[in-house]
Amino acid sequence: MMDINKMKKRHLLQVFELITRKGVKTEGVYEYHDIKASQDFDGYTCWLSFKDLTVTLLFHGAYDLDYKSEETLKIFFKKIANLLDD
């Protein structure tokens, strides 16, 4: 299993910001390169989702990773790395 700690939370937040800046917004959810980004009403909780994977980013630095497929997790991290490299 891939360890999310290898990807710093800062990178996840950078991707969140990139998606909300460049993505298409539909009903409060932004989408860019098949990754969706959303947040609750006060911005304290943010979500990144891709296929069966959801990353929950919490205000105080905690995060939660929920997914069904190891392959989805690998593709997600590769997509994030590519987005940050652009």
N, C-alpha and C. Protein backbone atom coordinates (compact mmCIF):
# COMPACT_ATOMS: atom_id res chain seq x y z
N MET A 1 0.83 -1.20 0.00
CA MET A 1 0.00 0.00 0.00
C MET A 1 0.88 1.25 0.00
N MET A 2 0.49 2.20 -0.79
CA MET A 2 1.23 3.46 -0.86
C MET A 2 0.92 4.30 0.38
N ASP A 3 1.91 4.93 0.93
CA ASP A 3 1.75 5.74 2.13
C ASP A 3 1.52 7.20 1.75
N ILE A 4 0.38 7.75 2.14
CA ILE A 4 0.05 9.14 1.81
C ILE A 4 1.06 10.10 2.43
N ASN A 5 1.76 9.69 3.49
CA ASN A 5 2.73 10.57 4.11
C ASN A 5 3.87 10.93 3.16
N LYS A 6 4.09 10.11 2.12
CA LYS A 6 5.13 10.42 1.16
C LYS A 6 4.76 11.67 0.36
N MET A 7 3.48 11.94 0.24
CA MET A 7 3.05 13.15 -0.45
C MET A 7 2.66 14.14 0.63
N LYS A 8 3.41 15.18 0.75
CA LYS A 8 3.15 16.16 1.80
C LYS A 8 1.77 16.78 1.63
N LYS A 9 1.16 17.09 2.76
CA LYS A 9 -0.16 17.71 2.71
C LYS A 9 -0.12 18.99 1.90
N ARG A 10 0.99 19.67 1.94
CA ARG A 10 1.14 20.91 1.16
C ARG A 10 0.86 20.64 -0.31
N HIS A 11 1.33 19.50 -0.83
CA HIS A 11 1.10 19.17 -2.23
C HIS A 11 -0.38 18.91 -2.49
N LEU A 12 -1.04 18.25 -1.56
CA LEU A 12 -2.47 18.01 -1.72
C LEU A 12 -3.23 19.34 -1.73
N LEU A 13 -2.82 20.26 -0.87
CA LEU A 13 -3.46 21.58 -0.85
C LEU A 13 -3.14 22.36 -2.13
N GLN A 14 -1.93 22.22 -2.65
CA GLN A 14 -1.58 22.88 -3.91
C GLN A 14 -2.45 22.35 -5.05
N VAL A 15 -2.67 21.06 -5.07
CA VAL A 15 -3.52 20.46 -6.10
C VAL A 15 -4.96 20.94 -5.93
N PHE A 16 -5.42 21.01 -4.69
CA PHE A 16 -6.77 21.52 -4.44
C PHE A 16 -6.91 22.94 -5.01
N GLU A 17 -5.93 23.79 -4.72
CA GLU A 17 -5.96 25.17 -5.21
C GLU A 17 -5.92 25.21 -6.74
N LEU A 18 -5.09 24.38 -7.34
CA LEU A 18 -4.98 24.32 -8.80
C LEU A 18 -6.31 23.92 -9.44
N ILE A 19 -6.96 22.92 -8.88
CA ILE A 19 -8.23 22.45 -9.43
C ILE A 19 -9.31 23.51 -9.28
N THR A 20 -9.35 24.20 -8.14
CA THR A 20 -10.37 25.23 -7.97
C THR A 20 -10.07 26.47 -8.82
N ARG A 21 -8.83 26.66 -9.21
CA ARG A 21 -8.47 27.81 -10.05
C ARG A 21 -8.68 27.51 -11.53
N LYS A 22 -8.30 26.30 -11.97
CA LYS A 22 -8.35 25.98 -13.39
C LYS A 22 -9.53 25.11 -13.79
N GLY A 23 -10.17 24.49 -12.81
CA GLY A 23 -11.23 23.54 -13.13
C GLY A 23 -12.55 24.17 -13.49
N VAL A 24 -13.44 23.34 -14.00
CA VAL A 24 -14.80 23.73 -14.33
C VAL A 24 -15.67 23.50 -13.10
N LYS A 25 -16.43 24.53 -12.72
CA LYS A 25 -17.28 24.43 -11.52
C LYS A 25 -18.70 24.06 -11.92
N THR A 26 -19.20 22.99 -11.30
CA THR A 26 -20.57 22.55 -11.50
C THR A 26 -21.17 22.24 -10.14
N GLU A 27 -22.21 22.98 -9.78
CA GLU A 27 -22.91 22.77 -8.50
C GLU A 27 -21.94 22.74 -7.32
N GLY A 28 -21.00 23.67 -7.29
CA GLY A 28 -20.09 23.80 -6.16
C GLY A 28 -18.90 22.86 -6.16
N VAL A 29 -18.78 22.03 -7.19
CA VAL A 29 -17.68 21.09 -7.28
C VAL A 29 -16.85 21.44 -8.51
N TYR A 30 -15.54 21.56 -8.31
CA TYR A 30 -14.63 21.85 -9.41
C TYR A 30 -14.06 20.54 -9.94
N GLU A 31 -13.82 20.50 -11.25
CA GLU A 31 -13.21 19.30 -11.83
C GLU A 31 -12.15 19.71 -12.83
N TYR A 32 -10.99 19.05 -12.72
CA TYR A 32 -9.87 19.33 -13.60
C TYR A 32 -9.07 18.04 -13.76
N HIS A 33 -8.87 17.61 -14.99
CA HIS A 33 -8.15 16.35 -15.28
C HIS A 33 -8.72 15.17 -14.50
N ASP A 34 -10.04 15.08 -14.46
CA ASP A 34 -10.77 13.97 -13.82
C ASP A 34 -10.66 13.95 -12.29
N ILE A 35 -10.07 14.96 -11.69
CA ILE A 35 -10.02 15.05 -10.23
C ILE A 35 -11.00 16.13 -9.81
N LYS A 36 -11.81 15.83 -8.81
CA LYS A 36 -12.81 16.78 -8.32
C LYS A 36 -12.35 17.36 -6.99
N ALA A 37 -12.69 18.62 -6.78
CA ALA A 37 -12.35 19.31 -5.54
C ALA A 37 -13.58 20.02 -5.02
N SER A 38 -13.83 19.87 -3.72
CA SER A 38 -14.97 20.56 -3.10
C SER A 38 -14.61 20.87 -1.65
N GLN A 39 -15.43 21.72 -1.04
CA GLN A 39 -15.21 22.08 0.36
C GLN A 39 -16.54 22.34 1.04
N ASP A 40 -16.52 22.26 2.38
CA ASP A 40 -17.75 22.56 3.10
C ASP A 40 -17.97 24.07 3.11
N PHE A 41 -19.07 24.50 3.69
CA PHE A 41 -19.48 25.91 3.61
C PHE A 41 -18.48 26.87 4.23
N ASP A 42 -17.71 26.46 5.22
CA ASP A 42 -16.77 27.38 5.87
C ASP A 42 -15.32 27.15 5.44
N GLY A 43 -15.08 26.18 4.57
CA GLY A 43 -13.74 25.94 4.06
C GLY A 43 -12.82 25.17 4.99
N TYR A 44 -13.33 24.70 6.11
CA TYR A 44 -12.49 23.98 7.06
C TYR A 44 -12.21 22.55 6.64
N THR A 45 -13.06 22.00 5.81
CA THR A 45 -12.87 20.64 5.31
C THR A 45 -12.92 20.69 3.79
N CYS A 46 -11.93 20.07 3.16
CA CYS A 46 -11.85 20.03 1.70
C CYS A 46 -11.74 18.57 1.26
N TRP A 47 -12.21 18.32 0.06
CA TRP A 47 -12.16 16.97 -0.48
C TRP A 47 -11.56 16.98 -1.87
N LEU A 48 -10.75 15.99 -2.15
CA LEU A 48 -10.28 15.69 -3.49
C LEU A 48 -10.81 14.29 -3.80
N SER A 49 -11.37 14.11 -4.98
CA SER A 49 -11.87 12.77 -5.31
C SER A 49 -11.50 12.41 -6.75
N PHE A 50 -11.29 11.12 -6.94
CA PHE A 50 -10.94 10.56 -8.23
C PHE A 50 -11.41 9.11 -8.24
N LYS A 51 -12.33 8.80 -9.12
CA LYS A 51 -12.91 7.46 -9.20
C LYS A 51 -13.41 7.01 -7.82
N ASP A 52 -12.89 5.91 -7.28
CA ASP A 52 -13.36 5.40 -5.98
C ASP A 52 -12.53 5.91 -4.80
N LEU A 53 -11.73 6.95 -5.03
CA LEU A 53 -10.85 7.48 -4.00
C LEU A 53 -11.32 8.86 -3.54
N THR A 54 -11.27 9.08 -2.23
CA THR A 54 -11.55 10.39 -1.66
C THR A 54 -10.50 10.73 -0.62
N VAL A 55 -9.91 11.92 -0.75
CA VAL A 55 -8.99 12.45 0.25
C VAL A 55 -9.74 13.57 0.97
N THR A 56 -9.84 13.46 2.29
CA THR A 56 -10.45 14.51 3.10
C THR A 56 -9.33 15.27 3.78
N LEU A 57 -9.28 16.58 3.53
CA LEU A 57 -8.27 17.45 4.13
C LEU A 57 -8.95 18.29 5.20
N LEU A 58 -8.46 18.17 6.42
CA LEU A 58 -9.07 18.89 7.55
C LEU A 58 -8.23 20.10 7.92
N PHE A 59 -8.86 21.08 8.51
CA PHE A 59 -8.26 22.38 8.80
C PHE A 59 -6.97 22.28 9.61
N HIS A 60 -6.92 21.42 10.60
CA HIS A 60 -5.76 21.38 11.49
C HIS A 60 -4.66 20.43 11.02
N GLY A 61 -4.64 20.13 9.74
CA GLY A 61 -3.55 19.33 9.19
C GLY A 61 -3.81 17.85 9.10
N ALA A 62 -4.92 17.39 9.62
CA ALA A 62 -5.25 15.97 9.53
C ALA A 62 -5.83 15.68 8.14
N TYR A 63 -5.72 14.45 7.72
CA TYR A 63 -6.32 14.04 6.46
C TYR A 63 -6.73 12.58 6.55
N ASP A 64 -7.63 12.21 5.69
CA ASP A 64 -8.11 10.84 5.64
C ASP A 64 -8.14 10.41 4.18
N LEU A 65 -7.75 9.19 3.94
CA LEU A 65 -7.70 8.65 2.59
C LEU A 65 -8.60 7.43 2.53
N ASP A 66 -9.57 7.45 1.62
CA ASP A 66 -10.50 6.33 1.49
C ASP A 66 -10.53 5.91 0.02
N TYR A 67 -10.26 4.64 -0.23
CA TYR A 67 -10.27 4.14 -1.61
C TYR A 67 -10.53 2.65 -1.59
N LYS A 68 -10.96 2.14 -2.74
CA LYS A 68 -11.22 0.71 -2.88
C LYS A 68 -10.12 0.00 -3.65
N SER A 69 -9.58 0.67 -4.64
CA SER A 69 -8.61 0.03 -5.54
C SER A 69 -7.22 0.63 -5.37
N GLU A 70 -6.24 -0.25 -5.16
CA GLU A 70 -4.84 0.18 -5.07
C GLU A 70 -4.41 0.85 -6.37
N GLU A 71 -4.91 0.36 -7.48
CA GLU A 71 -4.58 0.94 -8.78
C GLU A 71 -5.08 2.39 -8.88
N THR A 72 -6.27 2.66 -8.37
CA THR A 72 -6.79 4.03 -8.36
C THR A 72 -5.88 4.94 -7.56
N LEU A 73 -5.41 4.46 -6.43
CA LEU A 73 -4.50 5.24 -5.58
C LEU A 73 -3.23 5.59 -6.34
N LYS A 74 -2.65 4.62 -7.03
CA LYS A 74 -1.42 4.86 -7.79
C LYS A 74 -1.66 5.88 -8.91
N ILE A 75 -2.75 5.73 -9.63
CA ILE A 75 -3.07 6.66 -10.72
C ILE A 75 -3.29 8.07 -10.17
N PHE A 76 -3.99 8.17 -9.04
CA PHE A 76 -4.26 9.47 -8.41
C PHE A 76 -2.96 10.19 -8.07
N PHE A 77 -2.03 9.51 -7.42
CA PHE A 77 -0.78 10.15 -7.05
C PHE A 77 0.05 10.52 -8.28
N LYS A 78 -0.02 9.70 -9.32
CA LYS A 78 0.70 10.04 -10.55
C LYS A 78 0.08 11.28 -11.20
N LYS A 79 -1.25 11.37 -11.22
CA LYS A 79 -1.93 12.53 -11.78
C LYS A 79 -1.55 13.80 -10.99
N ILE A 80 -1.53 13.69 -9.68
CA ILE A 80 -1.17 14.85 -8.84
C ILE A 80 0.27 15.29 -9.14
N ALA A 81 1.17 14.35 -9.22
CA ALA A 81 2.57 14.69 -9.51
C ALA A 81 2.68 15.39 -10.86
N ASN A 82 1.95 14.89 -11.85
CA ASN A 82 1.98 15.51 -13.19
C ASN A 82 1.40 16.92 -13.16
N LEU A 83 0.32 17.12 -12.42
CA LEU A 83 -0.29 18.45 -12.34
C LEU A 83 0.67 19.45 -11.68
N LEU A 84 1.36 19.01 -10.65
CA LEU A 84 2.28 19.90 -9.95
C LEU A 84 3.54 20.20 -10.77
N ASP A 85 3.89 19.27 -11.67
CA ASP A 85 5.07 19.47 -12.51
C ASP A 85 4.82 20.45 -13.65
N ASP A 86 3.57 20.60 -14.05
CA ASP A 86 3.23 21.49 -15.18
C ASP A 86 3.50 22.94 -14.85
